[in-house]
Amino acid sequence: MQYNIPTKNSALKLRKKGMSLKEIKDTLNIPKSTLSGWFKNIILTKRQSCRLHIKKYNSLKYARSKALIINQQKKQTEKDISQKEIDHLLMNMNCNEYSSLLTNLSMLYLGEGFKKTGGTGMGNTNPLILKFFIKSMEQLFSLDRKRFRYRLHLRADQNEDKLLKFWTEQLCVSRELFMKSAFDKRTVNIPTYYDYKGVCVVNCGNIAIQRKLMYLSEQYCHRVISSVG
């Protein structure tokens, strides 16, 4: 497209005032590629260059913040859809049905449970996992959590009394059921993250249950693998 001399002169004046290519493009409706050719011999002052740099920085900052908002909205939408699907699934699932609960417990045990000790138990930093383990053991095998053995494995700088209070409340058991806590001497002089609650170990002492859970989990895995494809 051909542009007349007054249009070009207007563009040059705006550029000499320190306006950006985008500002001039939006003002005069001239492509940036054309403007770049017109402006190649124009040397901006330090103040003008600084203004363009600041404007470019602010524009980039705005674009990033807008992209972040869009990305967060997308993630929230995906999360909402996933949660609705799971909620619908759980509504039609009998979580207390024996075979389902036993299989779920066995798979958790395959990943987190004791394999080489003389008893059935597991240790974890997540109270939810241990609460599921204890509740499932009570429901499936008629065991009493008050007969389990509990022990905390802590870092050197952690407060035992404070964490015993946390875990007894989480697991709904008395402090008397906890054995003496173990402290990791390797962590001396190494600060602990403020929200780390240590590892709580729960052991029901029944080796027969361990064997049952391990056999079920391993056989279940083999069946799923062999049925795929």
Protein backbone atom coordinates (compact mmCIF):
# COMPACT_ATOMS: atom_id res chain seq x y z
CA MET A 1 0.00 0.00 0.00
CA GLN A 2 1.27 3.46 -0.91
CA TYR A 3 1.16 6.25 1.69
CA ASN A 4 1.29 9.97 0.95
CA ILE A 5 3.99 12.29 2.26
CA PRO A 6 1.82 13.91 5.00
CA THR A 7 1.01 10.46 6.43
CA LYS A 8 4.66 9.48 6.49
CA ASN A 9 5.64 12.81 8.04
CA SER A 10 2.98 12.33 10.74
CA ALA A 11 4.42 8.93 11.54
CA LEU A 12 7.96 10.32 11.70
CA LYS A 13 6.85 13.08 14.08
CA LEU A 14 5.20 10.61 16.39
CA ARG A 15 8.29 8.44 16.38
CA LYS A 16 10.52 11.40 17.20
CA LYS A 17 8.26 12.09 20.16
CA GLY A 18 9.24 8.65 21.44
CA MET A 19 6.09 6.72 20.61
CA SER A 20 6.35 2.98 20.06
CA LEU A 21 5.65 1.22 16.77
CA LYS A 22 2.45 -0.24 18.20
CA GLU A 23 1.21 3.17 19.38
CA ILE A 24 1.84 4.68 15.93
CA LYS A 25 0.32 1.66 14.20
CA ASP A 26 -2.84 1.98 16.30
CA THR A 27 -2.97 5.74 15.72
CA LEU A 28 -2.38 5.86 11.97
CA ASN A 29 -3.41 2.30 10.99
CA ILE A 30 -0.08 1.62 9.30
CA PRO A 31 1.56 -1.83 9.47
CA LYS A 32 4.55 -2.15 11.81
CA SER A 33 6.64 -3.57 8.97
CA THR A 34 6.15 -0.33 7.00
CA LEU A 35 6.88 1.81 10.04
CA SER A 36 10.10 -0.10 10.74
CA GLY A 37 11.39 0.83 7.30
CA TRP A 38 10.53 4.49 7.78
CA PHE A 39 12.14 4.69 11.21
CA LYS A 40 15.42 2.84 10.56
CA ASN A 41 17.44 6.07 10.40
CA ILE A 42 15.80 7.78 13.37
CA ILE A 43 17.95 7.93 16.50
CA LEU A 44 15.92 8.35 19.66
CA THR A 45 17.11 10.32 22.67
CA LYS A 46 18.06 8.51 25.86
CA ARG A 47 14.83 9.67 27.48
CA GLN A 48 12.74 8.41 24.55
CA SER A 49 14.52 5.06 24.52
CA CYS A 50 13.99 4.78 28.27
CA ARG A 51 10.26 5.50 27.85
CA LEU A 52 9.94 2.81 25.17
CA HIS A 53 11.84 0.34 27.33
CA ILE A 54 9.57 1.00 30.32
CA LYS A 55 6.46 0.76 28.17
CA LYS A 56 7.66 -2.51 26.66
CA TYR A 57 8.40 -3.87 30.13
CA ASN A 58 4.96 -2.86 31.43
CA SER A 59 3.25 -4.35 28.39
CA LEU A 60 5.12 -7.61 28.87
CA LYS A 61 4.28 -7.60 32.57
CA TYR A 62 0.60 -7.04 31.80
CA ALA A 63 0.59 -9.79 29.17
CA ARG A 64 2.18 -12.24 31.61
CA SER A 65 -0.27 -11.39 34.38
CA LYS A 66 -3.18 -11.80 31.96
CA ALA A 67 -1.79 -15.13 30.75
CA LEU A 68 -1.40 -16.25 34.37
CA ILE A 69 -5.04 -15.42 35.10
CA ILE A 70 -6.20 -17.29 32.00
CA ASN A 71 -4.05 -20.28 32.91
CA GLN A 72 -5.39 -20.30 36.48
CA GLN A 73 -8.96 -20.13 35.20
CA LYS A 74 -8.26 -23.03 32.84
CA LYS A 75 -6.78 -25.10 35.65
CA GLN A 76 -9.74 -24.34 37.89
CA THR A 77 -12.18 -25.35 35.16
CA GLU A 78 -10.32 -28.62 34.60
CA LYS A 79 -10.25 -29.21 38.36
CA ASP A 80 -14.00 -28.58 38.66
CA ILE A 81 -14.75 -31.02 35.84
CA SER A 82 -12.53 -33.70 37.39
CA GLN A 83 -14.08 -33.24 40.82
CA LYS A 84 -17.61 -33.55 39.41
CA GLU A 85 -16.65 -36.79 37.66
CA ILE A 86 -15.11 -38.20 40.84
CA ASP A 87 -18.06 -37.08 42.99
CA HIS A 88 -20.42 -38.86 40.59
CA LEU A 89 -18.25 -41.97 40.72
CA LEU A 90 -18.19 -42.00 44.52
CA MET A 91 -21.95 -41.52 44.74
CA ASN A 92 -22.41 -44.81 42.89
CA MET A 93 -19.70 -46.67 44.79
CA ASN A 94 -20.06 -48.67 47.97
CA CYS A 95 -16.83 -47.73 49.72
CA ASN A 96 -17.49 -50.20 52.54
CA GLU A 97 -18.07 -53.23 50.32
CA TYR A 98 -15.67 -55.92 51.59
CA SER A 99 -13.86 -56.93 48.39
CA SER A 100 -13.42 -53.34 47.19
CA LEU A 101 -12.14 -52.10 50.54
CA LEU A 102 -9.82 -55.09 50.92
CA THR A 103 -8.40 -54.60 47.42
CA ASN A 104 -7.88 -50.87 47.99
CA LEU A 105 -6.15 -51.55 51.31
CA SER A 106 -3.92 -54.20 49.72
CA MET A 107 -2.82 -51.80 46.97
CA LEU A 108 -2.01 -49.13 49.54
CA TYR A 109 -0.12 -51.73 51.52
CA LEU A 110 1.85 -52.81 48.46
CA GLY A 111 3.20 -49.27 48.17
CA GLU A 112 3.45 -48.16 51.79
CA GLY A 113 3.25 -51.19 54.09
CA PHE A 114 5.88 -53.22 55.95
CA LYS A 115 7.27 -56.13 53.95
CA LYS A 116 10.23 -57.39 55.94
CA THR A 117 9.12 -56.86 59.54
CA GLY A 118 7.23 -59.36 61.66
CA GLY A 119 3.93 -57.58 61.57
CA THR A 120 1.38 -55.66 59.54
CA GLY A 121 1.92 -51.92 59.55
CA MET A 122 3.09 -48.84 57.73
CA GLY A 123 4.71 -45.49 58.33
CA ASN A 124 3.79 -42.23 56.66
CA THR A 125 3.92 -38.46 56.96
CA ASN A 126 0.32 -38.10 55.79
CA PRO A 127 -2.32 -38.57 58.52
CA LEU A 128 -4.99 -39.30 55.91
CA ILE A 129 -3.16 -42.41 54.70
CA LEU A 130 -2.72 -43.75 58.22
CA LYS A 131 -6.32 -42.99 59.16
CA PHE A 132 -7.48 -44.97 56.12
CA PHE A 133 -5.15 -47.83 57.06
CA ILE A 134 -6.38 -47.95 60.67
CA LYS A 135 -10.07 -47.65 59.77
CA SER A 136 -9.77 -50.35 57.09
CA MET A 137 -7.98 -52.69 59.50
CA GLU A 138 -10.72 -52.16 62.07
CA GLN A 139 -13.50 -52.73 59.58
CA LEU A 140 -12.04 -55.66 57.63
CA PHE A 141 -10.34 -57.61 60.43
CA SER A 142 -12.24 -56.45 63.53
CA LEU A 143 -9.05 -55.04 65.05
CA ASP A 144 -8.97 -52.34 67.73
CA ARG A 145 -6.71 -49.35 67.13
CA LYS A 146 -6.09 -49.20 70.87
CA ARG A 147 -4.14 -52.46 70.53
CA PHE A 148 -1.87 -51.16 67.77
CA ARG A 149 1.66 -49.95 68.45
CA TYR A 150 2.58 -46.40 67.43
CA ARG A 151 5.92 -44.67 67.11
CA LEU A 152 7.17 -41.35 65.76
CA HIS A 153 10.34 -40.99 63.72
CA LEU A 154 11.46 -37.37 64.03
CA ARG A 155 14.25 -35.08 62.99
CA ALA A 156 16.74 -33.85 65.59
CA ASP A 157 15.23 -30.38 66.06
CA GLN A 158 11.57 -31.43 66.30
CA ASN A 159 9.43 -31.06 69.42
CA GLU A 160 8.29 -34.53 70.52
CA ASP A 161 5.50 -33.37 72.85
CA LYS A 162 4.00 -31.09 70.22
CA LEU A 163 4.04 -33.78 67.54
CA LEU A 164 2.70 -36.46 69.85
CA LYS A 165 -0.26 -34.17 70.48
CA PHE A 166 -0.74 -33.71 66.74
CA TRP A 167 -0.66 -37.43 65.90
CA THR A 168 -2.78 -38.59 68.84
CA GLU A 169 -5.49 -36.14 67.80
CA GLN A 170 -5.26 -37.12 64.14
CA LEU A 171 -5.41 -40.87 64.79
CA CYS A 172 -7.81 -40.69 67.75
CA VAL A 173 -5.59 -42.70 70.11
CA SER A 174 -4.10 -41.93 73.51
CA ARG A 175 -0.51 -40.88 74.05
CA GLU A 176 0.14 -43.98 76.17
CA LEU A 177 -0.06 -46.12 73.03
CA PHE A 178 3.03 -44.44 71.54
CA MET A 179 6.42 -45.99 72.03
CA LYS A 180 9.50 -43.83 72.63
CA SER A 181 10.11 -41.62 69.59
CA ALA A 182 13.16 -42.17 67.39
CA PHE A 183 15.28 -39.16 66.40
CA ASP A 184 17.42 -39.10 63.29
CA LYS A 185 20.91 -38.03 64.42
CA ARG A 186 21.88 -37.37 60.80
CA THR A 187 19.65 -34.27 60.86
CA VAL A 188 21.47 -32.46 63.67
CA ASN A 189 21.97 -28.76 62.77
CA ILE A 190 19.79 -29.18 59.67
CA PRO A 191 16.60 -27.06 59.96
CA THR A 192 13.29 -28.85 59.47
CA TYR A 193 10.48 -27.48 57.30
CA TYR A 194 7.89 -25.80 59.53
CA ASP A 195 4.99 -28.01 58.39
CA TYR A 196 6.81 -31.35 58.56
CA LYS A 197 5.17 -33.54 61.21
CA GLY A 198 7.58 -36.44 61.15
CA VAL A 199 6.81 -40.05 60.22
CA CYS A 200 4.24 -41.93 62.26
CA VAL A 201 4.52 -45.72 62.27
CA VAL A 202 1.49 -47.90 63.00
CA ASN A 203 1.88 -51.65 63.57
CA CYS A 204 -0.85 -54.15 64.44
CA GLY A 205 1.61 -57.02 64.88
CA ASN A 206 -0.34 -59.57 62.81
CA ILE A 207 1.93 -61.16 60.20
CA ALA A 208 -0.93 -63.19 58.70
CA ILE A 209 -2.69 -60.02 57.55
CA GLN A 210 0.51 -58.76 55.94
CA ARG A 211 0.81 -61.98 53.92
CA LYS A 212 -2.84 -61.77 52.86
CA LEU A 213 -2.59 -58.15 51.73
CA MET A 214 0.66 -58.72 49.87
CA TYR A 215 -0.66 -61.80 48.07
CA LEU A 216 -3.88 -60.02 47.06
CA SER A 217 -2.11 -56.88 45.81
CA GLU A 218 0.44 -58.81 43.78
CA GLN A 219 -2.15 -61.13 42.22
CA TYR A 220 -4.41 -58.18 41.44
CA CYS A 221 -1.55 -56.42 39.66
CA HIS A 222 -0.76 -59.54 37.63
CA ARG A 223 -4.40 -59.90 36.57
CA VAL A 224 -4.66 -56.26 35.47
CA ILE A 225 -1.38 -56.50 33.54
CA SER A 226 -2.35 -59.73 31.80
CA SER A 227 -5.80 -58.40 30.86
CA VAL A 228 -4.53 -55.17 29.27
CA GLY A 229 -4.67 -55.31 25.47
